[in-house]
Amino acid sequence: METALEHLTAALANRPACPVSQLSILPDTERRLVLEGFNATEADYPAHLCVHQLFERQAAQTPKAVALVFEGHSLSYAELNRLANRLANRLLALGMRPDERVGICAERSLEMVVGLLAILKAGGAYLPLDPAYPDGRLAYLLEDGQPVALLTQAALRARLQALPGGGLPVIVMDGLPDAAGQGGDDVNPDPQALGLTPEHLAYVIYTSGSTGQPKGVMNGHRGVVNRLCWAQQAYGLSPADRVLQKTPFSFDVSVWEFFLPLLAGAQLVIAKPHGHQDPAYLAALLVREQVSMVHFVPSMLQVFLDQADLPACPALRRVLCSGEALPHALQMRFHRQWPDVELHNLYGPTEAAVDVTAWQCRPEPDLGIVPIGYPIANTQIYILDSHQQPVPLGVAGEIHIGGIQVARGYLNRPALTAERFITDPFRIETIKIQ
């Protein structure tokens, strides 16, 4: 078999005037493997639908099934759809158009989920305004995100409107669940009449700003639908499943927590505000609500497993990890404590609609690491050198991501978008993560 060195030597002999940076060091067989073999991810999903249409389709199939559970209260699929439609039509009465942002500032609640769906149904993109953020951060998001309206709760309204940029039309969502059976405009807004397509934005979520000023990442329906459909195909959720929503909605992990259960007919169990920081509360909630699927950032999973009186959680069958590197020692400990529960490691930046690689962990003590896995459906992963050439297997390089889930770019940052969202020399649009 030809080695990389032999291939490069032959290339130099055949093209002596060519810069070395433009010569491939990979033999043809290995090049096809890393560019095509690993990236043969084509899948046929309903790319013509928006995120909320997946929910509407499920609501029509199981209208009486419980969709949301929160602190002793619940909404059926039909009730959730009616409430979201009514709120969406209130937004449309303000003159909303596709791609416009609506800021939503709310604690975790039934209203939060109604609000997110309503924004999507009205053709807008939701802009999370986490109440846990300091006023300075919220003011920056309002200024940079340029929402056309705000959804909030009564307890947060005065704070929000006092901020620079807070003088926008405001809809207070308190009491929405109590109006589930009351009259109103219950009809699903027509995406075609709105001019809404899967290419329009679903949300704008800001990066943490740990490497500079926070940037608003623009993700469209098409990429989110791909991520949700892949997950449903991979995990096979059913109406018997109960999925915990505990990630703050300012982090993109929350996107699949909110919407994946609702396209599968499962129940979405919503943790109380700040409950995601309380391991004992989470453990009790997993048992009480018979949660079958939950996400943990690895550091929180470590804290969760450290509980001396950790219950058995008999209904739990799948744990997903992302957001940080998953230590191999933690993976092995997980398998010892919960041998009958699946553990999955996922990776993806905010710039690519949540997750782009996935790996089902196995109790393999000799592996020593936890891989980030293979690219998910309709996604390409390349490991390239500084000249955007693929590196040999086992050689370090930079991750480049391509495919449907790549975001549109950074809001109000055309220069940075051009720098980070670069042309894919192998297939289609790609981003580079350094």
Protein backbone atom coordinates (compact mmCIF):
# COMPACT_ATOMS: atom_id res chain seq x y z
CA MET A 1 0.00 0.00 0.00
CA GLU A 2 1.31 3.43 -0.94
CA THR A 3 2.27 5.60 2.03
CA ALA A 4 1.69 9.33 2.40
CA LEU A 5 5.42 10.00 1.98
CA GLU A 6 5.61 7.92 -1.19
CA HIS A 7 2.54 9.68 -2.60
CA LEU A 8 3.98 13.13 -1.85
CA THR A 9 7.37 12.20 -3.33
CA ALA A 10 5.70 11.07 -6.55
CA ALA A 11 3.60 14.23 -6.67
CA LEU A 12 6.72 16.39 -6.27
CA ALA A 13 8.41 14.55 -9.11
CA ASN A 14 5.39 14.94 -11.40
CA ARG A 15 4.72 18.62 -10.52
CA PRO A 16 8.05 20.13 -9.49
CA ALA A 17 6.86 23.72 -9.94
CA CYS A 18 3.77 23.29 -7.75
CA PRO A 19 3.88 24.68 -4.18
CA VAL A 20 4.01 21.88 -1.63
CA SER A 21 0.96 23.33 0.13
CA GLN A 22 -1.15 22.56 -2.95
CA LEU A 23 -0.09 18.93 -3.20
CA SER A 24 -2.13 16.21 -1.53
CA ILE A 25 -0.11 13.94 0.72
CA LEU A 26 -2.85 11.34 0.85
CA PRO A 27 -2.87 8.31 -1.42
CA ASP A 28 -6.06 8.15 -3.49
CA THR A 29 -7.61 5.33 -1.45
CA GLU A 30 -7.13 7.11 1.88
CA ARG A 31 -8.24 10.44 0.42
CA ARG A 32 -11.50 8.90 -0.80
CA LEU A 33 -12.01 7.34 2.63
CA VAL A 34 -11.61 10.54 4.67
CA LEU A 35 -13.48 12.77 2.21
CA GLU A 36 -16.18 10.45 0.92
CA GLY A 37 -16.30 7.22 2.89
CA PHE A 38 -16.62 8.79 6.32
CA ASN A 39 -19.00 11.41 4.92
CA ALA A 40 -21.46 9.15 3.11
CA THR A 41 -24.27 10.46 5.30
CA GLU A 42 -27.06 11.16 2.83
CA ALA A 43 -30.53 10.70 4.29
CA ASP A 44 -33.98 11.64 3.04
CA TYR A 45 -35.81 13.77 5.57
CA PRO A 46 -38.79 16.15 5.13
CA ALA A 47 -36.66 19.13 4.14
CA HIS A 48 -39.77 20.99 2.94
CA LEU A 49 -41.11 21.35 6.50
CA CYS A 50 -40.31 23.86 9.23
CA VAL A 51 -39.71 22.87 12.85
CA HIS A 52 -43.20 23.78 14.06
CA GLN A 53 -44.80 21.86 11.20
CA LEU A 54 -43.26 18.66 12.55
CA PHE A 55 -45.01 19.41 15.85
CA GLU A 56 -48.29 20.28 14.13
CA ARG A 57 -48.21 16.98 12.27
CA GLN A 58 -47.79 15.12 15.57
CA ALA A 59 -50.48 17.19 17.29
CA ALA A 60 -52.94 16.17 14.57
CA GLN A 61 -52.08 12.51 15.15
CA THR A 62 -52.20 12.49 18.97
CA PRO A 63 -54.26 15.52 20.06
CA LYS A 64 -55.25 14.14 23.45
CA ALA A 65 -51.81 12.86 24.46
CA VAL A 66 -49.90 14.80 27.11
CA ALA A 67 -47.26 17.03 25.51
CA LEU A 68 -45.89 19.07 28.45
CA VAL A 69 -45.55 18.39 32.17
CA PHE A 70 -44.40 21.06 34.60
CA GLU A 71 -44.67 21.08 38.37
CA GLY A 72 -47.99 19.26 38.54
CA HIS A 73 -49.49 20.98 35.46
CA SER A 74 -49.77 19.65 31.93
CA LEU A 75 -50.92 20.45 28.41
CA SER A 76 -52.09 18.05 25.73
CA TYR A 77 -50.79 18.26 22.18
CA ALA A 78 -54.04 19.87 21.07
CA GLU A 79 -53.98 22.42 23.89
CA LEU A 80 -50.35 23.32 23.24
CA ASN A 81 -51.03 23.75 19.55
CA ARG A 82 -54.09 25.95 20.18
CA LEU A 83 -52.26 28.20 22.62
CA ALA A 84 -49.24 28.56 20.34
CA ASN A 85 -51.54 29.43 17.42
CA ARG A 86 -53.32 32.13 19.42
CA LEU A 87 -50.06 33.69 20.50
CA ALA A 88 -48.63 33.41 16.98
CA ASN A 89 -51.60 35.29 15.58
CA ARG A 90 -51.07 38.05 18.14
CA LEU A 91 -47.49 38.35 16.89
CA LEU A 92 -48.66 38.39 13.29
CA ALA A 93 -51.01 41.24 14.15
CA LEU A 94 -47.88 43.26 14.97
CA GLY A 95 -46.77 42.87 11.33
CA MET A 96 -44.14 40.16 11.80
CA ARG A 97 -42.22 38.88 8.80
CA PRO A 98 -39.96 35.83 8.29
CA ASP A 99 -36.43 36.15 9.67
CA GLU A 100 -37.41 38.86 12.14
CA ARG A 101 -36.43 38.10 15.71
CA VAL A 102 -38.71 37.97 18.73
CA GLY A 103 -37.04 38.20 22.09
CA ILE A 104 -38.37 35.79 24.69
CA CYS A 105 -37.50 36.35 28.34
CA ALA A 106 -39.05 33.71 30.57
CA GLU A 107 -38.27 31.25 33.31
CA ARG A 108 -38.72 27.59 32.48
CA SER A 109 -42.47 26.99 32.35
CA LEU A 110 -45.34 25.87 30.17
CA GLU A 111 -45.49 29.43 28.83
CA MET A 112 -41.89 29.25 27.64
CA VAL A 113 -42.65 26.33 25.32
CA VAL A 114 -45.86 27.97 24.09
CA GLY A 115 -43.87 31.12 23.34
CA LEU A 116 -41.13 29.35 21.39
CA LEU A 117 -43.64 27.52 19.20
CA ALA A 118 -45.66 30.69 18.68
CA ILE A 119 -42.64 32.61 17.42
CA LEU A 120 -41.84 29.87 14.90
CA LYS A 121 -45.47 29.61 13.79
CA ALA A 122 -45.53 33.39 13.19
CA GLY A 123 -42.51 33.02 10.92
CA GLY A 124 -40.05 34.59 13.33
CA ALA A 125 -36.80 33.45 14.88
CA TYR A 126 -36.67 33.26 18.64
CA LEU A 127 -34.00 35.17 20.52
CA PRO A 128 -33.53 33.75 24.04
CA LEU A 129 -33.14 36.38 26.75
CA ASP A 130 -32.19 34.35 29.80
CA PRO A 131 -33.46 36.00 33.02
CA ALA A 132 -30.33 34.66 34.75
CA TYR A 133 -28.20 37.00 32.65
CA PRO A 134 -27.08 40.34 34.14
CA ASP A 135 -28.75 43.45 32.81
CA GLY A 136 -25.69 44.38 30.75
CA ARG A 137 -25.80 41.12 28.82
CA LEU A 138 -29.55 41.41 28.21
CA ALA A 139 -29.14 44.99 27.00
CA TYR A 140 -26.42 43.87 24.57
CA LEU A 141 -28.65 41.10 23.19
CA LEU A 142 -31.50 43.54 22.70
CA GLU A 143 -29.25 46.02 20.91
CA ASP A 144 -27.46 43.51 18.71
CA GLY A 145 -30.32 41.06 18.18
CA GLN A 146 -32.77 43.81 17.14
CA PRO A 147 -35.98 41.97 18.02
CA VAL A 148 -39.27 43.42 16.79
CA ALA A 149 -41.26 42.31 19.85
CA LEU A 150 -40.82 40.73 23.27
CA LEU A 151 -42.55 37.81 24.97
CA THR A 152 -42.13 37.67 28.73
CA GLN A 153 -43.71 36.97 32.11
CA ALA A 154 -45.29 39.55 34.41
CA ALA A 155 -42.52 39.30 36.99
CA LEU A 156 -39.89 40.10 34.36
CA ARG A 157 -41.68 42.76 32.34
CA ALA A 158 -40.56 45.85 34.26
CA ARG A 159 -36.91 44.76 34.31
CA LEU A 160 -36.96 44.03 30.59
CA GLN A 161 -38.63 47.29 29.58
CA ALA A 162 -36.22 49.31 31.72
CA LEU A 163 -33.26 48.09 29.69
CA PRO A 164 -31.87 50.04 26.72
CA GLY A 165 -33.71 48.63 23.72
CA GLY A 166 -36.57 47.33 25.85
CA GLY A 167 -39.13 49.78 24.52
CA LEU A 168 -40.72 47.29 22.13
CA PRO A 169 -44.19 45.77 21.85
CA VAL A 170 -44.48 43.35 24.79
CA ILE A 171 -46.79 40.38 25.21
CA VAL A 172 -47.05 38.94 28.72
CA MET A 173 -47.59 35.18 28.60
CA ASP A 174 -48.77 34.53 32.16
CA GLY A 175 -52.02 32.60 32.32
CA LEU A 176 -51.78 31.11 28.84
CA PRO A 177 -52.21 27.50 30.03
CA ASP A 178 -55.41 28.50 31.87
CA ALA A 179 -56.83 29.70 28.55
CA ALA A 180 -56.31 26.36 26.79
CA GLY A 181 -60.03 25.73 26.40
CA GLN A 182 -61.11 29.28 25.70
CA GLY A 183 -61.92 30.80 22.34
CA GLY A 184 -59.43 32.44 20.02
CA ASP A 185 -57.73 32.05 16.67
CA ASP A 186 -56.84 28.35 16.84
CA VAL A 187 -55.90 27.89 13.17
CA ASN A 188 -52.32 27.01 12.32
CA PRO A 189 -50.78 30.01 10.51
CA ASP A 190 -50.11 29.11 6.88
CA PRO A 191 -46.36 29.18 6.14
CA GLN A 192 -47.02 29.68 2.43
CA ALA A 193 -49.19 32.70 3.10
CA LEU A 194 -46.44 34.09 5.35
CA GLY A 195 -43.77 33.47 2.74
CA LEU A 196 -42.01 31.21 5.24
CA THR A 197 -39.65 28.49 4.00
CA PRO A 198 -37.22 26.10 5.72
CA GLU A 199 -34.41 28.45 4.67
CA HIS A 200 -35.66 31.13 7.07
CA LEU A 201 -34.31 31.46 10.59
CA ALA A 202 -35.64 29.39 13.48
CA TYR A 203 -33.51 30.95 16.22
CA VAL A 204 -30.58 33.22 16.97
CA ILE A 205 -28.54 31.99 19.94
CA TYR A 206 -25.49 33.89 21.11
CA THR A 207 -22.12 32.33 21.85
CA SER A 208 -20.79 32.65 25.38
CA GLY A 209 -18.31 35.38 24.45
CA SER A 210 -15.48 33.53 26.17
CA THR A 211 -13.22 34.20 23.17
CA GLY A 212 -14.41 37.75 22.50
CA GLN A 213 -17.67 39.61 22.09
CA PRO A 214 -20.76 37.32 22.04
CA LYS A 215 -21.93 36.57 18.52
CA GLY A 216 -25.47 35.79 17.44
CA VAL A 217 -25.51 32.59 15.39
CA MET A 218 -28.31 32.37 12.82
CA ASN A 219 -29.70 28.85 12.40
CA GLY A 220 -32.49 28.04 9.97
CA HIS A 221 -35.35 25.56 10.07
CA ARG A 222 -33.74 23.27 7.49
CA GLY A 223 -30.73 22.47 9.65
CA VAL A 224 -32.78 22.07 12.83
CA VAL A 225 -35.26 19.75 11.11
CA ASN A 226 -32.34 17.64 9.89
CA ARG A 227 -30.95 17.38 13.43
CA LEU A 228 -34.34 16.44 14.89
CA CYS A 229 -35.14 13.86 12.20
CA TRP A 230 -31.71 12.27 12.57
CA ALA A 231 -32.19 12.02 16.34
CA GLN A 232 -35.61 10.47 15.97
CA GLN A 233 -34.21 7.92 13.53
CA ALA A 234 -31.23 7.21 15.81
CA TYR A 235 -33.06 7.02 19.13
CA GLY A 236 -36.56 5.96 18.15
CA LEU A 237 -38.58 7.96 20.65
CA SER A 238 -42.19 6.85 21.10
CA PRO A 239 -45.25 8.17 22.96
CA ALA A 240 -44.07 6.10 25.93
CA ASP A 241 -40.93 8.26 26.31
CA ARG A 242 -40.53 11.17 28.69
CA VAL A 243 -37.69 13.58 27.96
CA LEU A 244 -36.37 16.06 30.52
CA GLN A 245 -35.91 19.69 29.49
CA LYS A 246 -33.42 21.29 31.87
CA THR A 247 -30.84 23.09 29.71
CA PRO A 248 -31.15 26.90 29.80
CA PHE A 249 -32.73 27.98 26.53
CA SER A 250 -29.81 30.31 25.84
CA PHE A 251 -27.74 27.18 25.02
CA ASP A 252 -28.44 25.33 21.81
CA VAL A 253 -28.67 21.89 23.48
CA SER A 254 -32.10 23.06 24.60
CA VAL A 255 -33.28 23.14 20.97
CA TRP A 256 -33.51 19.37 20.66
CA GLU A 257 -34.75 19.03 24.25
CA PHE A 258 -37.73 21.24 23.41
CA PHE A 259 -38.65 19.94 20.00
CA LEU A 260 -37.53 16.31 19.63
CA PRO A 261 -40.13 14.90 22.08
CA LEU A 262 -42.86 16.98 20.44
CA LEU A 263 -42.33 15.50 16.98
CA ALA A 264 -42.40 11.95 18.37
CA GLY A 265 -45.55 12.11 20.49
CA ALA A 266 -43.51 11.83 23.68
CA GLN A 267 -43.89 13.89 26.86
CA LEU A 268 -41.65 16.85 27.57
CA VAL A 269 -40.96 17.08 31.30
CA ILE A 270 -39.87 20.61 32.23
CA ALA A 271 -37.56 21.14 35.19
CA LYS A 272 -38.38 24.00 37.52
CA PRO A 273 -36.38 27.25 37.23
CA HIS A 274 -32.81 26.73 38.50
CA GLY A 275 -33.57 23.03 39.01
CA HIS A 276 -30.86 22.06 36.53
CA GLN A 277 -28.32 23.11 39.18
CA ASP A 278 -29.72 20.83 41.92
CA PRO A 279 -28.65 17.17 41.54
CA ALA A 280 -30.99 15.95 44.29
CA TYR A 281 -33.98 17.66 42.69
CA LEU A 282 -33.08 16.23 39.28
CA ALA A 283 -32.75 12.73 40.66
CA ALA A 284 -36.14 12.95 42.34
CA LEU A 285 -37.67 14.38 39.16
CA LEU A 286 -36.26 11.56 37.02
CA VAL A 287 -37.92 9.03 39.32
CA ARG A 288 -41.22 10.87 39.88
CA GLU A 289 -41.85 11.62 36.20
CA GLN A 290 -40.36 8.34 34.94
CA VAL A 291 -37.98 10.17 32.63
CA SER A 292 -36.49 7.92 29.95
CA MET A 293 -34.02 10.32 28.29
CA VAL A 294 -31.93 13.16 29.68
CA HIS A 295 -28.93 15.29 28.74
CA PHE A 296 -25.97 16.14 30.95
CA VAL A 297 -22.92 18.27 30.43
CA PRO A 298 -20.11 15.90 31.57
CA SER A 299 -19.15 18.02 34.59
CA MET A 300 -22.77 17.97 35.78
CA LEU A 301 -22.99 14.24 35.14
CA GLN A 302 -19.99 13.83 37.45
CA VAL A 303 -21.75 15.81 40.19
CA PHE A 304 -24.96 13.88 39.61
CA LEU A 305 -23.25 10.50 39.97
CA ASP A 306 -21.45 11.72 43.11
CA GLN A 307 -24.69 11.73 45.08
CA ALA A 308 -24.44 9.28 47.94
CA ASP A 309 -28.13 8.38 47.73
CA LEU A 310 -28.53 8.40 43.95
CA PRO A 311 -31.78 6.55 43.16
CA ALA A 312 -32.05 3.76 40.63
CA CYS A 313 -34.11 5.78 38.08
CA PRO A 314 -35.77 2.62 36.69
CA ALA A 315 -37.37 4.32 33.66
CA LEU A 316 -34.14 5.90 32.44
CA ARG A 317 -32.78 4.24 29.32
CA ARG A 318 -30.64 6.87 27.60
CA VAL A 319 -28.27 9.67 28.67
CA LEU A 320 -26.76 12.11 26.18
CA CYS A 321 -23.60 14.11 26.86
CA SER A 322 -22.28 17.16 25.03
CA GLY A 323 -20.97 20.65 25.70
CA GLU A 324 -17.62 19.46 27.09
CA ALA A 325 -15.17 16.64 26.50
CA LEU A 326 -16.46 13.45 28.12
CA PRO A 327 -13.64 11.91 30.21
CA HIS A 328 -13.11 8.20 29.69
CA ALA A 329 -12.97 7.61 33.44
CA LEU A 330 -16.41 9.21 33.81
CA GLN A 331 -17.78 7.06 31.01
CA MET A 332 -16.51 3.90 32.72
CA ARG A 333 -17.96 5.01 36.05
CA PHE A 334 -21.31 5.64 34.37
CA HIS A 335 -21.39 2.11 32.98
CA ARG A 336 -20.58 0.66 36.39
CA GLN A 337 -23.35 2.60 38.12
CA TRP A 338 -25.96 2.33 35.33
CA PRO A 339 -25.02 -0.73 33.26
CA ASP A 340 -28.44 -0.92 31.59
CA VAL A 341 -28.57 2.74 30.48
CA GLU A 342 -27.21 3.89 27.12
CA LEU A 343 -24.61 6.68 27.12
CA HIS A 344 -24.10 8.77 23.99
CA ASN A 345 -21.39 11.37 23.37
CA LEU A 346 -22.24 14.17 20.93
CA TYR A 347 -20.30 17.11 19.56
CA GLY A 348 -21.30 20.28 17.80
CA PRO A 349 -20.76 24.04 17.97
CA THR A 350 -23.49 26.66 18.11
CA GLU A 351 -22.59 27.41 14.48
CA ALA A 352 -24.02 24.10 13.26
CA ALA A 353 -27.52 23.49 14.65
CA VAL A 354 -26.65 21.69 17.87
CA ASP A 355 -24.79 18.39 17.18
CA VAL A 356 -22.88 17.18 14.12
CA THR A 357 -21.19 13.99 15.38
CA ALA A 358 -22.40 11.17 17.62
CA TRP A 359 -20.91 8.15 19.39
CA GLN A 360 -22.60 5.46 21.47
CA CYS A 361 -20.28 4.69 24.36
CA ARG A 362 -19.35 1.12 25.27
CA PRO A 363 -17.60 -0.10 28.42
CA GLU A 364 -14.20 -0.44 26.71
CA PRO A 365 -11.51 0.02 29.39
CA ASP A 366 -8.60 -0.16 26.93
CA LEU A 367 -9.85 2.62 24.65
CA GLY A 368 -8.65 5.38 26.99
CA ILE A 369 -10.67 8.14 25.30
CA VAL A 370 -14.27 8.85 24.35
CA PRO A 371 -14.51 9.60 20.60
CA ILE A 372 -16.82 12.32 19.33
CA GLY A 373 -17.99 9.78 16.78
CA TYR A 374 -19.08 9.96 13.17
CA PRO A 375 -20.91 12.71 11.27
CA ILE A 376 -24.67 12.54 11.54
CA ALA A 377 -27.06 12.53 8.60
CA ASN A 378 -26.41 15.01 5.78
CA THR A 379 -23.32 16.31 7.55
CA GLN A 380 -19.65 16.20 6.55
CA ILE A 381 -16.67 16.29 8.90
CA TYR A 382 -13.18 16.98 7.57
CA ILE A 383 -9.86 17.11 9.43
CA LEU A 384 -7.71 19.55 7.46
CA ASP A 385 -4.31 21.19 7.71
CA SER A 386 -3.66 24.93 7.56
CA HIS A 387 -3.84 24.77 3.75
CA GLN A 388 -7.28 23.11 3.84
CA GLN A 389 -5.90 19.78 2.74
CA PRO A 390 -7.06 16.55 4.43
CA VAL A 391 -4.52 15.09 6.83
CA PRO A 392 -3.68 11.36 7.06
CA LEU A 393 -5.55 9.20 9.53
CA GLY A 394 -4.19 9.72 13.03
CA VAL A 395 -2.65 13.12 12.25
CA ALA A 396 -3.90 16.20 14.11
CA GLY A 397 -5.69 18.92 12.18
CA GLU A 398 -8.60 21.34 12.40
CA ILE A 399 -12.21 20.21 12.36
CA HIS A 400 -14.22 21.56 9.44
CA ILE A 401 -17.98 21.00 9.27
CA GLY A 402 -20.13 20.92 6.17
CA GLY A 403 -23.68 20.08 5.24
CA ILE A 404 -27.26 21.05 5.93
CA GLN A 405 -26.80 22.02 9.56
CA VAL A 406 -24.18 24.71 9.01
CA ALA A 407 -25.60 28.02 10.20
CA ARG A 408 -26.23 31.01 7.96
CA GLY A 409 -23.54 32.98 9.78
CA TYR A 410 -23.22 35.57 12.53
CA LEU A 411 -25.87 38.24 12.91
CA ASN A 412 -24.51 41.69 12.01
CA ARG A 413 -20.99 40.27 11.50
CA PRO A 414 -20.42 39.99 7.72
CA ALA A 415 -16.62 40.11 7.96
CA LEU A 416 -16.43 37.47 10.68
CA THR A 417 -18.96 35.35 8.81
CA ALA A 418 -16.81 35.49 5.68
CA GLU A 419 -13.77 34.49 7.74
CA ARG A 420 -15.34 31.56 9.58
CA PHE A 421 -17.95 30.29 7.10
CA ILE A 422 -15.76 29.38 4.18
CA THR A 423 -16.31 27.63 0.87
CA ASP A 424 -16.13 23.86 1.03
CA PRO A 425 -13.53 22.76 -1.52
CA PHE A 426 -14.90 19.21 -1.40
CA ARG A 427 -18.67 19.56 -1.38
CA ILE A 428 -20.79 22.41 -0.09
CA GLU A 429 -20.79 25.07 2.61
CA THR A 430 -18.32 24.48 5.46
CA ILE A 431 -17.31 26.14 8.69
CA LYS A 432 -13.96 25.95 10.41
CA ILE A 433 -13.73 25.56 14.18
CA GLN A 434 -10.36 26.53 15.60
